[in-house]
Amino acid sequence: MDPYLRTPDVMDCRDPATGELLGEVPRMGEDDVVAAIHRARFLQPRWAGLDQGKRHAVIAAVLDRVLSSQDELCRVAAHDSGETMLDAMVHEIIPVGRALTALLERARSSRLPWKQTTATGGRQNAPGILGFFTPGYLPLRNLLLPIAPALLEGSAVVVKVSDRVAWSSMQFAELVRDVLAEQGH
């Protein structure tokens, strides 16, 4: 569980195919959302102050982790969303791998302007704090594809995930937090 959450309330997450209990995740209340925004506001200037090469290295490390952990990530996504392992590979891992690779290639060639269209079609301007809501399907893809360009550009991100895929989304968010910590952030 996120140590910064203030609300102790949790919800059970179950495999939609079997009803098996997968685990618990915290229910975020209004105070938790406000705290997450304040935390993002505090950390964002430091993140934006890093040179793009360091932010690039974080996204590259996330891509490496996704590719090296693809079997486990597919299992997690399949248990939480009800998709098959094959669906998770075809609709989650492959698109995420391609999108992050393309994003990193554009960044390397300096074609990543401050104003661009994000993976979800929204317009993104100069770095700041961005909020995203994710739908209740394709949890890895819907978490990573909006946040990767935002992080690369120096923005902080606050994400509200669907309750339907909260268990897997928490694990995928932990993957990003682990990479950030390993990169010294």
Protein backbone atom coordinates (compact mmCIF):
# COMPACT_ATOMS: atom_id res chain seq x y z
CA MET A 1 0.00 0.00 0.00
CA ASP A 2 1.07 3.55 -0.64
CA PRO A 3 2.43 4.96 2.63
CA TYR A 4 1.18 8.43 1.68
CA LEU A 5 -2.50 7.42 1.72
CA ARG A 6 -4.49 8.77 4.60
CA THR A 7 -7.64 6.66 4.20
CA PRO A 8 -7.29 3.18 5.75
CA ASP A 9 -10.32 1.82 3.88
CA VAL A 10 -9.51 -0.96 1.42
CA MET A 11 -11.43 -2.87 -1.22
CA ASP A 12 -11.18 -6.49 -2.22
CA CYS A 13 -10.05 -7.18 -5.79
CA ARG A 14 -11.22 -10.40 -7.41
CA ASP A 15 -10.41 -12.26 -10.60
CA PRO A 16 -13.53 -11.68 -12.73
CA ALA A 17 -13.23 -15.14 -14.30
CA THR A 18 -12.93 -17.17 -11.09
CA GLY A 19 -13.98 -14.90 -8.23
CA GLU A 20 -10.64 -15.64 -6.55
CA LEU A 21 -9.47 -12.93 -4.15
CA LEU A 22 -6.40 -11.29 -5.69
CA GLY A 23 -5.71 -8.86 -2.89
CA GLU A 24 -6.73 -5.57 -1.39
CA VAL A 25 -6.07 -2.03 -2.54
CA PRO A 26 -6.69 1.20 -0.67
CA ARG A 27 -9.76 3.25 -1.47
CA MET A 28 -8.64 6.80 -2.00
CA GLY A 29 -10.82 9.43 -0.44
CA GLU A 30 -10.90 13.14 -1.16
CA ASP A 31 -8.12 13.80 1.38
CA ASP A 32 -5.91 11.25 -0.38
CA VAL A 33 -6.45 12.89 -3.76
CA VAL A 34 -5.64 16.32 -2.35
CA ALA A 35 -2.50 14.90 -0.68
CA ALA A 36 -1.40 13.27 -3.97
CA ILE A 37 -1.83 16.57 -5.81
CA HIS A 38 0.15 18.45 -3.14
CA ARG A 39 2.88 15.83 -3.29
CA ALA A 40 3.00 16.10 -7.10
CA ARG A 41 3.11 19.89 -6.87
CA PHE A 42 6.06 19.65 -4.47
CA LEU A 43 8.03 17.10 -6.55
CA GLN A 44 7.32 18.38 -10.07
CA PRO A 45 9.81 21.29 -10.16
CA ARG A 46 12.63 18.96 -9.14
CA TRP A 47 11.57 16.43 -11.81
CA ALA A 48 11.26 19.11 -14.52
CA GLY A 49 14.68 20.42 -13.48
CA LEU A 50 16.38 17.18 -14.51
CA ASP A 51 17.85 17.18 -17.98
CA GLN A 52 15.80 15.28 -20.51
CA GLY A 53 18.48 12.59 -20.72
CA LYS A 54 17.77 11.51 -17.14
CA ARG A 55 14.03 11.48 -17.71
CA HIS A 56 14.67 9.57 -20.95
CA ALA A 57 16.67 6.99 -18.97
CA VAL A 58 13.69 6.46 -16.65
CA ILE A 59 11.29 5.79 -19.53
CA ALA A 60 13.86 3.50 -21.17
CA ALA A 61 14.21 1.59 -17.89
CA VAL A 62 10.40 1.28 -17.65
CA LEU A 63 10.37 -0.13 -21.19
CA ASP A 64 13.16 -2.59 -20.29
CA ARG A 65 11.26 -3.68 -17.17
CA VAL A 66 8.03 -4.20 -19.13
CA LEU A 67 9.83 -6.33 -21.71
CA SER A 68 11.83 -8.34 -19.19
CA SER A 69 8.76 -8.95 -16.99
CA GLN A 70 6.21 -9.48 -19.74
CA ASP A 71 5.07 -12.94 -18.62
CA GLU A 72 4.39 -11.78 -15.06
CA LEU A 73 2.74 -8.55 -16.26
CA CYS A 74 0.47 -10.56 -18.57
CA ARG A 75 -0.50 -12.86 -15.68
CA VAL A 76 -1.33 -9.90 -13.45
CA ALA A 77 -3.35 -8.16 -16.17
CA ALA A 78 -5.18 -11.39 -17.08
CA HIS A 79 -6.17 -12.12 -13.47
CA ASP A 80 -7.44 -8.61 -12.82
CA SER A 81 -9.14 -7.70 -16.09
CA GLY A 82 -10.39 -11.10 -17.22
CA GLU A 83 -8.41 -11.02 -20.46
CA THR A 84 -6.43 -14.07 -21.56
CA MET A 85 -2.65 -14.23 -21.44
CA LEU A 86 -2.60 -13.94 -25.23
CA ASP A 87 -4.89 -10.89 -25.11
CA ALA A 88 -2.63 -9.31 -22.51
CA MET A 89 0.42 -9.86 -24.72
CA VAL A 90 -1.26 -8.63 -27.91
CA HIS A 91 -3.21 -5.72 -26.42
CA GLU A 92 -0.94 -4.64 -23.57
CA ILE A 93 2.74 -5.62 -23.86
CA ILE A 94 3.19 -5.22 -27.62
CA PRO A 95 1.44 -1.80 -27.89
CA VAL A 96 3.23 -0.51 -24.79
CA GLY A 97 6.58 -1.71 -26.14
CA ARG A 98 5.96 -0.10 -29.52
CA ALA A 99 4.63 3.17 -28.08
CA LEU A 100 7.44 3.62 -25.57
CA THR A 101 10.05 2.74 -28.20
CA ALA A 102 8.56 5.32 -30.60
CA LEU A 103 8.39 7.94 -27.82
CA LEU A 104 12.04 7.37 -26.92
CA GLU A 105 13.08 7.53 -30.59
CA ARG A 106 11.24 10.85 -31.06
CA ALA A 107 12.85 12.19 -27.90
CA ARG A 108 16.32 11.09 -29.07
CA SER A 109 15.85 12.87 -32.36
CA SER A 110 14.69 16.03 -30.52
CA ARG A 111 11.28 15.91 -32.14
CA LEU A 112 9.47 15.93 -28.81
CA PRO A 113 8.10 19.47 -28.56
CA TRP A 114 6.58 20.96 -25.44
CA LYS A 115 3.22 20.89 -27.15
CA GLN A 116 2.25 17.49 -28.52
CA THR A 117 -0.61 15.06 -28.73
CA THR A 118 -0.39 12.40 -26.04
CA ALA A 119 -1.04 8.69 -26.50
CA THR A 120 -4.64 9.23 -25.40
CA GLY A 121 -5.21 12.07 -27.87
CA GLY A 122 -5.13 14.92 -25.35
CA ARG A 123 -3.04 18.06 -25.78
CA GLN A 124 -0.14 18.48 -23.44
CA ASN A 125 1.63 21.77 -22.85
CA ALA A 126 4.64 22.82 -20.80
CA PRO A 127 5.43 20.65 -17.75
CA GLY A 128 3.12 20.82 -14.80
CA ILE A 129 0.83 18.43 -12.97
CA LEU A 130 -1.40 16.23 -15.09
CA GLY A 131 -4.30 14.09 -13.95
CA PHE A 132 -5.49 10.98 -15.76
CA PHE A 133 -8.43 8.64 -15.28
CA THR A 134 -8.01 5.12 -16.61
CA PRO A 135 -10.82 2.86 -17.82
CA GLY A 136 -11.53 -0.63 -16.51
CA TYR A 137 -9.70 -2.54 -19.22
CA LEU A 138 -6.14 -2.86 -20.58
CA PRO A 139 -4.67 -1.74 -17.25
CA LEU A 140 -0.97 -1.70 -18.19
CA ARG A 141 -1.53 0.08 -21.48
CA ASN A 142 -3.98 2.62 -20.03
CA LEU A 143 -1.63 3.44 -17.17
CA LEU A 144 1.71 3.67 -18.97
CA LEU A 145 0.78 5.25 -22.30
CA PRO A 146 -0.59 8.51 -20.88
CA ILE A 147 2.04 8.97 -18.19
CA ALA A 148 5.20 8.20 -20.20
CA PRO A 149 5.13 11.33 -22.42
CA ALA A 150 4.13 13.44 -19.43
CA LEU A 151 7.05 12.18 -17.35
CA LEU A 152 9.45 12.54 -20.26
CA GLU A 153 8.47 16.19 -20.64
CA GLY A 154 8.95 16.91 -16.94
CA SER A 155 5.39 16.78 -15.67
CA ALA A 156 4.19 15.14 -12.48
CA VAL A 157 1.25 12.78 -12.85
CA VAL A 158 -1.67 11.87 -10.61
CA VAL A 159 -3.70 8.89 -11.86
CA LYS A 160 -7.13 7.63 -10.78
CA VAL A 161 -7.49 4.05 -11.93
CA SER A 162 -10.73 2.18 -12.39
CA ASP A 163 -11.83 0.03 -9.47
CA ARG A 164 -12.25 -2.81 -11.99
CA VAL A 165 -8.47 -3.03 -12.52
CA ALA A 166 -7.19 -1.46 -9.31
CA TRP A 167 -5.18 -4.50 -8.19
CA SER A 168 -3.12 -4.75 -11.37
CA SER A 169 -2.84 -0.97 -11.74
CA MET A 170 -1.31 -0.72 -8.25
CA GLN A 171 1.29 -3.32 -9.26
CA PHE A 172 2.01 -1.54 -12.54
CA ALA A 173 2.35 1.79 -10.71
CA GLU A 174 4.76 0.07 -8.31
CA LEU A 175 6.85 -0.98 -11.33
CA VAL A 176 7.20 2.71 -12.27
CA ARG A 177 7.96 3.72 -8.67
CA ASP A 178 10.62 0.97 -8.45
CA VAL A 179 12.28 2.17 -11.66
CA LEU A 180 12.24 5.77 -10.41
CA ALA A 181 13.88 4.68 -7.14
CA GLU A 182 16.49 2.57 -8.95
CA GLN A 183 17.31 5.60 -11.11
CA GLY A 184 17.77 7.72 -7.98
CA HIS A 185 14.50 9.63 -8.05
